[in-house]
Protein backbone atom coordinates (compact mmCIF):
# COMPACT_ATOMS: atom_id res chain seq x y z
CA UNK A 1 -0.11 21.57 -7.88
CA UNK A 2 -3.05 21.62 -5.52
CA UNK A 3 -3.37 18.78 -3.06
CA UNK A 4 -6.32 16.94 -1.62
CA UNK A 5 -4.32 15.87 1.43
CA UNK A 6 -5.31 17.94 4.47
CA UNK A 7 -2.62 18.53 7.08
CA UNK A 8 -4.94 17.72 9.97
CA UNK A 9 -7.45 14.87 9.94
CA UNK A 10 -10.22 14.75 12.53
CA UNK A 11 -11.31 11.77 14.67
CA UNK A 12 -8.03 9.83 14.70
CA UNK A 13 -7.13 7.70 17.70
CA UNK A 14 -3.93 8.68 19.56
CA UNK A 15 -2.05 5.83 17.81
CA UNK A 16 -3.34 6.94 14.40
CA UNK A 17 -2.31 10.54 15.17
CA UNK A 18 1.30 9.42 15.71
CA UNK A 19 1.28 7.33 12.51
CA UNK A 20 -0.20 10.29 10.62
CA UNK A 21 3.08 12.21 11.06
CA UNK A 22 5.04 9.78 8.87
CA UNK A 23 2.08 9.45 6.51
CA UNK A 24 2.05 13.26 6.07
CA UNK A 25 5.77 13.17 5.30
CA UNK A 26 5.59 10.55 2.57
CA UNK A 27 2.25 11.72 1.14
CA UNK A 28 3.89 15.14 0.85
CA UNK A 29 6.82 13.63 -1.05
CA UNK A 30 4.55 11.63 -3.35
CA UNK A 31 2.29 14.64 -4.04
CA UNK A 32 5.22 17.11 -4.33
CA UNK A 33 3.60 19.04 -1.48
CA UNK A 34 6.34 20.65 0.62
CA UNK A 35 3.79 22.10 3.08
CA UNK A 36 2.37 18.66 3.87
CA UNK A 37 5.83 17.08 4.19
CA UNK A 38 7.01 19.99 6.36
CA UNK A 39 4.04 19.54 8.72
CA UNK A 40 5.54 16.19 9.77
CA UNK A 41 8.57 17.81 11.48
CA UNK A 42 9.29 20.17 14.35
CA UNK A 43 10.89 23.23 12.80
CA UNK A 44 13.98 23.52 14.98
CA UNK A 45 17.67 22.76 15.12
CA UNK A 46 17.01 19.62 17.17
CA UNK A 47 15.88 17.61 14.11
CA UNK A 48 18.14 14.74 13.08
CA UNK A 49 17.44 12.70 9.92
CA UNK A 50 19.66 9.74 9.05
CA UNK A 51 19.37 8.24 5.58
CA UNK A 52 21.92 5.49 5.20
CA UNK A 53 25.27 7.19 5.72
CA UNK A 54 23.88 10.72 5.32
CA UNK A 55 22.94 12.78 8.40
CA UNK A 56 20.92 15.98 8.12
CA UNK A 57 20.71 18.24 11.18
CA UNK A 58 18.22 21.05 11.72
CA UNK A 59 15.04 22.14 9.99
CA UNK A 60 16.72 24.65 7.65
CA UNK A 61 19.09 22.02 6.24
CA UNK A 62 16.33 19.42 6.00
CA UNK A 63 13.98 21.76 4.12
CA UNK A 64 16.79 22.59 1.68
CA UNK A 65 17.39 18.85 1.15
CA UNK A 66 13.68 18.31 0.44
CA UNK A 67 13.54 21.08 -2.15
CA UNK A 68 16.82 20.20 -3.87
CA UNK A 69 16.91 16.38 -3.81
CA UNK A 70 13.54 14.93 -2.78
CA UNK A 71 10.72 16.93 -4.35
CA UNK A 72 12.08 16.69 -7.94
CA UNK A 73 11.90 12.86 -7.82
CA UNK A 74 8.67 11.11 -8.79
CA UNK A 75 7.90 8.71 -5.93
CA UNK A 76 5.33 6.42 -4.40
CA UNK A 77 5.90 5.25 -0.81
CA UNK A 78 4.15 2.34 0.88
CA UNK A 79 4.32 2.19 4.67
CA UNK A 80 3.28 -0.85 6.70
CA UNK A 81 3.80 -2.72 9.97
CA UNK A 82 3.46 0.31 12.22
CA UNK A 83 4.41 -0.02 15.88
CA UNK A 84 3.80 2.89 18.23
CA UNK A 85 5.19 3.19 21.74
CA UNK A 86 4.02 6.11 23.86
CA UNK A 87 6.78 7.24 26.21
CA UNK A 88 4.58 9.96 27.73
CA UNK A 89 1.49 11.95 26.78
CA UNK A 90 3.65 14.11 24.49
CA UNK A 91 6.46 11.80 23.28
CA UNK A 92 6.35 8.61 21.23
CA UNK A 93 8.46 6.22 19.16
CA UNK A 94 7.31 4.73 15.87
CA UNK A 95 8.70 1.99 13.65
CA UNK A 96 7.45 1.12 10.17
CA UNK A 97 8.49 -0.77 7.05
CA UNK A 98 8.80 1.31 3.88
CA UNK A 99 8.96 0.44 0.20
CA UNK A 100 9.69 3.44 -2.00
CA UNK A 101 9.37 3.48 -5.78
CA UNK A 102 11.37 6.20 -7.58
CA UNK A 103 11.60 7.44 -11.15
CA UNK A 104 14.18 9.94 -12.40
CA UNK A 105 15.43 10.92 -15.84
CA UNK A 106 19.02 10.19 -14.82
CA UNK A 107 18.52 6.83 -13.15
CA UNK A 108 15.20 5.54 -14.45
CA UNK A 109 12.97 3.43 -12.22
CA UNK A 110 14.26 1.90 -9.01
CA UNK A 111 12.86 0.92 -5.65
CA UNK A 112 14.16 0.70 -2.10
CA UNK A 113 13.01 -1.18 0.97
CA UNK A 114 13.83 -0.33 4.53
CA UNK A 115 12.85 0.29 8.10
CA UNK A 116 11.95 3.64 9.64
CA UNK A 117 12.67 4.45 13.28
CA UNK A 118 11.06 7.68 14.40
CA UNK A 119 11.00 9.80 17.58
CA UNK A 120 8.08 12.21 17.81
CA UNK A 121 6.67 14.93 20.03
CA UNK A 122 3.17 16.34 20.28
CA UNK A 123 3.11 19.97 19.15
CA UNK A 124 0.51 21.37 21.50
CA UNK A 125 0.10 24.56 19.43
CA UNK A 126 -1.45 22.79 16.42
CA UNK A 127 -2.15 19.45 18.17
CA UNK A 128 -0.11 17.45 15.63
CA UNK A 129 2.53 14.83 16.29
CA UNK A 130 5.83 15.83 14.70
CA UNK A 131 9.10 14.08 13.96
CA UNK A 132 12.21 15.05 15.93
CA UNK A 133 14.41 12.20 14.74
CA UNK A 134 14.05 9.89 11.72
CA UNK A 135 16.40 7.04 10.87
CA UNK A 136 15.86 5.15 7.61
CA UNK A 137 17.66 1.81 7.57
CA UNK A 138 17.90 0.61 4.00
CA UNK A 139 17.60 -3.15 3.46
CA UNK A 140 17.62 -3.47 -0.33
CA UNK A 141 17.62 -1.58 -3.63
CA UNK A 142 16.42 -2.88 -7.00
């Protein structure tokens, strides 16, 4: 499927550039675009993603998780209430609220609400902010 979501958007403020990392991730999920979702992360062993009780370490394991368990699910994610804290010119923290709507043949329709806590670094090669650590704290499921 071809996507109309570019990886890099011009003329964003520094705050918007940080937020764009998590937006690329979830737009990639919703559009089944692994390249867009992958652009949200540093591609190294230092990545840590925590989803409830599940911990995924390293880019190779995370990419495998995306392909096997995330991309096959039809989703729509809504992200709000962004807070960005710059720790330096090349590191930042981000928090956001997330509501995710899912549809699978096995489970049908369901939604989840939660909070995202994200640590990011600026990749100076492609000038994109990228996730190093992502913790999703689930609050409810319906």
